[in-house]
């Protein structure tokens, strides 16, 4: 079992799956110049189009619209790091990346797109997913350990044409508890990509299924429960006695029904029924 740890870079993009491209081939997407602005863009959405704009460093923002279904298909292939040739009208072509997609909070459908126009000669910084590959150790299948991924993505700096879709992390080497893979051990082309995360930062490690802190907490909870049960036991017996509950063995049942029991003195012979009658007659 693989457990991602909370935290990491805050993604603005939402993509159903990782890009399927081995190398970052250029995709193309047709767009149209958009004259409709503001609240009126809802009419575009009714026609199946998505509003967006193209921006870049030192560039004037362009307002565009694209076909919604075509964009989603392209976005699934390009992901967060893929270059797209955005063809605006019949003449303009802009090398862009999808910087942000805004979604309707109720329906979850995309409602607006931010395209970032890149300079192919200048490096950009983008988040690249870290994907675990390889066989998990037997201890994971036995429920003794878990594979804990502490980094889900890294910010990579590279030329737009050198960007990659993902970095694979082989976990086959994880055998014992506390075995880990750090950033410095990742495999990627260091001549093209720069990662500024400290090399000693842990990407993934093999951790016990139940940590020492968790075991201690469970033991404390069990001890507290036992103490509460022990304190409650004498109180229950006392309450039963006050309520007139009979002792074990059924003794006291007749007294509870109102019968009177006389105790006979020891060593004194009690007269028989005949003797009692003679005494009465002589009187």
Protein backbone atom coordinates (compact mmCIF):
# COMPACT_ATOMS: atom_id res chain seq x y z
CA UNK A 1 0.00 0.00 0.00
CA UNK A 2 1.27 3.44 -0.90
CA UNK A 3 0.36 6.37 1.31
CA UNK A 4 0.93 9.91 0.06
CA UNK A 5 1.82 12.31 2.83
CA UNK A 6 -0.15 15.53 3.16
CA UNK A 7 1.47 18.68 1.83
CA UNK A 8 3.54 19.27 -1.25
CA UNK A 9 3.08 21.85 -3.95
CA UNK A 10 -0.40 23.28 -4.30
CA UNK A 11 -1.62 22.39 -7.76
CA UNK A 12 -3.83 24.78 -9.64
CA UNK A 13 -4.29 22.34 -12.50
CA UNK A 14 -6.67 19.44 -12.57
CA UNK A 15 -5.87 16.58 -14.91
CA UNK A 16 -7.48 13.12 -14.81
CA UNK A 17 -4.28 11.27 -15.66
CA UNK A 18 -0.64 11.80 -16.46
CA UNK A 19 0.33 12.66 -20.02
CA UNK A 20 0.83 9.63 -22.24
CA UNK A 21 3.63 11.19 -24.28
CA UNK A 22 7.09 9.73 -23.78
CA UNK A 23 8.76 12.89 -25.05
CA UNK A 24 7.08 16.23 -24.92
CA UNK A 25 5.85 16.31 -28.52
CA UNK A 26 4.11 19.47 -29.61
CA UNK A 27 0.34 19.31 -29.69
CA UNK A 28 -1.89 21.79 -31.46
CA UNK A 29 -5.16 23.39 -30.44
CA UNK A 30 -7.36 25.63 -32.52
CA UNK A 31 -8.59 28.86 -30.91
CA UNK A 32 -10.52 31.92 -31.97
CA UNK A 33 -10.10 35.54 -31.03
CA UNK A 34 -12.72 36.47 -28.45
CA UNK A 35 -14.61 39.72 -28.46
CA UNK A 36 -17.15 38.65 -25.84
CA UNK A 37 -15.98 39.58 -22.33
CA UNK A 38 -17.35 39.68 -18.80
CA UNK A 39 -20.56 37.89 -17.82
CA UNK A 40 -21.58 37.46 -21.44
CA UNK A 41 -19.09 34.59 -21.79
CA UNK A 42 -21.77 32.27 -20.36
CA UNK A 43 -23.29 32.34 -23.85
CA UNK A 44 -20.04 30.85 -25.16
CA UNK A 45 -20.26 28.00 -22.69
CA UNK A 46 -23.81 27.24 -23.83
CA UNK A 47 -22.37 26.73 -27.32
CA UNK A 48 -19.71 24.32 -25.97
CA UNK A 49 -16.85 26.80 -26.03
CA UNK A 50 -14.51 27.76 -23.20
CA UNK A 51 -13.22 31.31 -22.71
CA UNK A 52 -9.56 31.84 -21.98
CA UNK A 53 -6.70 34.24 -22.35
CA UNK A 54 -3.08 34.06 -23.42
CA UNK A 55 -0.46 35.93 -21.42
CA UNK A 56 3.30 35.95 -21.09
CA UNK A 57 6.24 37.95 -19.88
CA UNK A 58 6.27 41.31 -21.63
CA UNK A 59 3.35 40.31 -23.88
CA UNK A 60 -0.07 41.82 -24.29
CA UNK A 61 -2.90 39.60 -23.12
CA UNK A 62 -5.03 38.02 -25.85
CA UNK A 63 -8.60 36.87 -25.26
CA UNK A 64 -9.49 33.59 -26.94
CA UNK A 65 -12.07 30.81 -26.95
CA UNK A 66 -11.60 27.10 -27.67
CA UNK A 67 -13.88 24.14 -28.20
CA UNK A 68 -14.47 22.56 -24.76
CA UNK A 69 -14.28 18.89 -25.77
CA UNK A 70 -11.19 19.41 -27.93
CA UNK A 71 -9.43 21.28 -25.14
CA UNK A 72 -10.09 18.53 -22.56
CA UNK A 73 -8.69 15.91 -24.93
CA UNK A 74 -5.58 18.00 -25.59
CA UNK A 75 -5.13 18.79 -21.90
CA UNK A 76 -5.19 15.11 -20.96
CA UNK A 77 -2.33 14.50 -23.39
CA UNK A 78 -0.28 17.60 -22.60
CA UNK A 79 -0.82 17.68 -18.84
CA UNK A 80 0.96 20.36 -16.87
CA UNK A 81 4.25 20.40 -18.75
CA UNK A 82 3.35 19.77 -22.39
CA UNK A 83 3.82 22.43 -25.04
CA UNK A 84 0.79 23.30 -27.15
CA UNK A 85 0.81 25.22 -30.42
CA UNK A 86 -2.24 27.41 -29.92
CA UNK A 87 -3.44 28.44 -33.37
CA UNK A 88 -5.42 31.66 -33.08
CA UNK A 89 -7.41 32.23 -36.21
CA UNK A 90 -5.68 31.47 -39.49
CA UNK A 91 -2.29 33.09 -38.97
CA UNK A 92 -1.20 33.33 -35.33
CA UNK A 93 0.52 30.41 -33.57
CA UNK A 94 1.48 30.74 -29.91
CA UNK A 95 3.65 28.17 -28.06
CA UNK A 96 1.76 27.88 -24.77
CA UNK A 97 1.36 25.77 -21.65
CA UNK A 98 -1.82 25.42 -19.64
CA UNK A 99 -1.12 27.48 -16.53
CA UNK A 100 -4.51 27.21 -14.82
CA UNK A 101 -7.98 25.83 -15.42
CA UNK A 102 -10.87 27.22 -13.40
CA UNK A 103 -13.75 24.88 -12.55
CA UNK A 104 -17.35 25.42 -11.57
CA UNK A 105 -17.57 24.63 -7.83
CA UNK A 106 -20.92 22.90 -8.22
CA UNK A 107 -20.75 20.99 -11.51
CA UNK A 108 -16.96 20.54 -11.62
CA UNK A 109 -16.94 21.51 -15.30
CA UNK A 110 -14.14 23.77 -16.65
CA UNK A 111 -15.21 27.40 -17.12
CA UNK A 112 -11.99 29.30 -17.98
CA UNK A 113 -8.43 28.61 -19.14
CA UNK A 114 -5.17 30.50 -18.64
CA UNK A 115 -2.61 29.84 -21.39
CA UNK A 116 0.95 30.92 -20.68
CA UNK A 117 2.95 31.82 -23.79
CA UNK A 118 6.52 30.68 -23.35
CA UNK A 119 9.75 31.91 -24.84
CA UNK A 120 11.35 28.78 -26.28
CA UNK A 121 14.79 30.22 -25.55
CA UNK A 122 14.08 30.89 -21.87
CA UNK A 123 13.74 28.36 -19.06
CA UNK A 124 10.49 27.93 -17.18
CA UNK A 125 9.63 26.41 -13.80
CA UNK A 126 6.84 23.85 -13.64
CA UNK A 127 5.76 21.11 -11.20
CA UNK A 128 6.57 17.60 -12.46
CA UNK A 129 4.85 14.57 -10.86
CA UNK A 130 6.86 11.84 -9.13
CA UNK A 131 5.49 8.42 -10.05
CA UNK A 132 6.37 5.29 -8.06
CA UNK A 133 7.26 2.18 -10.05
CA UNK A 134 8.62 -1.26 -9.14
CA UNK A 135 7.60 -4.05 -6.78
CA UNK A 136 6.62 -3.43 -3.19
CA UNK A 137 8.41 -5.53 -0.52
CA UNK A 138 6.72 -8.60 0.94
CA UNK A 139 6.30 -6.84 4.30
CA UNK A 140 3.82 -4.47 2.66
CA UNK A 141 1.64 -7.36 1.49
CA UNK A 142 1.80 -8.83 5.00
CA UNK A 143 0.52 -5.58 6.47
CA UNK A 144 3.69 -4.96 8.47
CA UNK A 145 4.89 -1.88 6.57
CA UNK A 146 3.66 0.82 4.20
CA UNK A 147 5.33 2.71 1.38
CA UNK A 148 5.08 6.36 2.44
CA UNK A 149 5.51 8.93 -0.35
CA UNK A 150 6.52 12.23 1.21
CA UNK A 151 6.98 14.14 -2.07
CA UNK A 152 4.41 13.89 -4.85
CA UNK A 153 5.99 16.35 -7.28
CA UNK A 154 9.05 18.55 -7.76
CA UNK A 155 9.45 21.97 -9.29
CA UNK A 156 11.63 21.56 -12.36
CA UNK A 157 13.40 24.30 -14.30
CA UNK A 158 14.12 23.71 -17.97
CA UNK A 159 13.67 25.01 -21.47
CA UNK A 160 10.09 24.43 -22.65
CA UNK A 161 11.28 21.93 -25.25
CA UNK A 162 13.23 19.93 -22.64
CA UNK A 163 10.41 19.47 -20.14
CA UNK A 164 9.38 15.95 -19.21
CA UNK A 165 5.97 14.62 -18.21
CA UNK A 166 7.05 12.81 -15.02
CA UNK A 167 9.96 11.43 -13.02
CA UNK A 168 9.79 7.75 -12.15
CA UNK A 169 10.92 6.52 -8.73
CA UNK A 170 11.83 2.82 -8.50
CA UNK A 171 10.90 1.51 -5.04
CA UNK A 172 12.34 -1.98 -5.57
CA UNK A 173 15.32 -1.10 -3.34
CA UNK A 174 13.10 -0.55 -0.29
CA UNK A 175 13.50 -3.69 1.81
CA UNK A 176 13.70 -2.72 5.49
CA UNK A 177 11.94 -0.21 7.72
CA UNK A 178 13.39 3.31 7.30
CA UNK A 179 14.90 2.50 3.90
CA UNK A 180 14.38 5.65 1.80
CA UNK A 181 14.95 7.23 -1.59
CA UNK A 182 16.06 10.87 -1.60
CA UNK A 183 15.92 13.57 -4.26
CA UNK A 184 19.62 13.17 -5.03
CA UNK A 185 19.03 9.54 -6.05
CA UNK A 186 16.38 10.33 -8.68
CA UNK A 187 17.12 9.50 -12.29
CA UNK A 188 16.69 12.35 -14.81
CA UNK A 189 18.75 14.26 -17.38
CA UNK A 190 20.69 16.71 -15.23
CA UNK A 191 22.10 18.43 -18.30
CA UNK A 192 18.63 19.65 -19.25
CA UNK A 193 16.66 19.75 -16.00
CA UNK A 194 17.38 21.62 -12.79
CA UNK A 195 15.74 20.67 -9.48
CA UNK A 196 16.34 23.07 -6.64
CA UNK A 197 14.88 20.86 -3.89
CA UNK A 198 17.62 19.78 -1.41
CA UNK A 199 19.24 16.54 -2.53
CA UNK A 200 18.83 14.94 0.92
CA UNK A 201 15.06 15.47 1.06
CA UNK A 202 13.15 12.17 1.26
CA UNK A 203 10.87 11.26 -1.64
CA UNK A 204 9.60 7.90 -0.41
CA UNK A 205 10.39 5.56 2.47
CA UNK A 206 9.36 2.25 4.01
CA UNK A 207 7.61 2.86 7.32
CA UNK A 208 6.03 0.55 9.93
CA UNK A 209 2.29 0.03 9.47
CA UNK A 210 1.85 1.07 13.11
CA UNK A 211 4.37 3.62 14.34
CA UNK A 212 5.92 3.61 17.81
CA UNK A 213 3.91 6.71 18.68
CA UNK A 214 0.71 4.98 17.62
CA UNK A 215 1.56 1.85 19.63
CA UNK A 216 2.22 3.98 22.72
CA UNK A 217 -1.08 5.80 22.24
CA UNK A 218 -2.99 2.53 21.88
CA UNK A 219 -1.36 1.16 25.04
CA UNK A 220 -2.28 4.31 26.97
CA UNK A 221 -5.87 4.13 25.75
CA UNK A 222 -6.10 0.46 26.77
CA UNK A 223 -4.68 1.23 30.24
CA UNK A 224 -7.16 4.07 30.74
CA UNK A 225 -10.06 1.86 29.70
CA UNK A 226 -8.94 -0.86 32.16
CA UNK A 227 -8.65 1.68 35.00
CA UNK A 228 -12.14 3.02 34.34
CA UNK A 229 -13.56 -0.51 34.32
CA UNK A 230 -11.79 -1.34 37.61
CA UNK A 231 -13.17 1.77 39.32
CA UNK A 232 -16.69 1.08 38.10
CA UNK A 233 -16.81 -2.56 39.35
CA UNK A 234 -17.01 -1.90 43.20
CA UNK A 235 -19.62 0.78 42.66
CA UNK A 236 -21.87 -1.66 40.83
CA UNK A 237 -21.72 -4.19 43.74
CA UNK A 238 -22.53 -1.46 46.29
CA UNK A 239 -25.54 -0.31 44.29
CA UNK A 240 -26.83 -3.84 44.09
CA UNK A 241 -26.58 -4.26 47.91
CA UNK A 242 -28.41 -1.00 48.58
CA UNK A 243 -31.20 -2.09 46.25
CA UNK A 244 -31.77 -5.23 48.43
CA UNK A 245 -30.41 -7.69 45.97
CA UNK A 246 -30.14 -11.16 47.58
CA UNK A 247 -26.75 -12.76 48.11
CA UNK A 248 -25.55 -15.46 45.77
CA UNK A 249 -27.12 -18.92 46.15
CA UNK A 250 -30.73 -17.73 46.42
CA UNK A 251 -30.68 -17.13 50.18
CA UNK A 252 -33.14 -14.58 51.49
CA UNK A 253 -35.83 -15.26 48.87
CA UNK A 254 -38.48 -16.28 51.47
CA UNK A 255 -37.78 -13.19 53.59
CA UNK A 256 -38.20 -11.08 50.55
CA UNK A 257 -41.70 -12.59 50.13
CA UNK A 258 -42.75 -11.63 53.72
CA UNK A 259 -42.32 -15.01 55.51
CA UNK A 260 -41.30 -14.88 59.23
CA UNK A 261 -38.57 -17.26 60.29
CA UNK A 262 -38.14 -18.05 64.03
CA UNK A 263 -34.84 -19.20 65.33
CA UNK A 264 -34.94 -22.08 67.84
CA UNK A 265 -32.60 -21.93 70.83
CA UNK A 266 -29.93 -24.59 70.78
CA UNK A 267 -30.18 -27.38 73.43
CA UNK A 268 -33.88 -26.79 74.28
CA UNK A 269 -36.29 -29.57 73.24
CA UNK A 270 -39.48 -28.21 71.79
CA UNK A 271 -42.74 -29.80 73.02
CA UNK A 272 -44.68 -31.97 70.61
CA UNK A 273 -48.14 -31.07 69.37
CA UNK A 274 -49.83 -33.61 71.79
CA UNK A 275 -48.16 -32.21 74.87
CA UNK A 276 -49.29 -28.76 73.93
CA UNK A 277 -52.95 -29.97 73.74
CA UNK A 278 -52.79 -31.63 77.23
CA UNK A 279 -51.51 -28.45 78.77
CA UNK A 280 -54.40 -26.52 77.25
CA UNK A 281 -56.99 -29.05 78.55
CA UNK A 282 -55.65 -28.98 82.13
CA UNK A 283 -56.07 -25.27 82.18
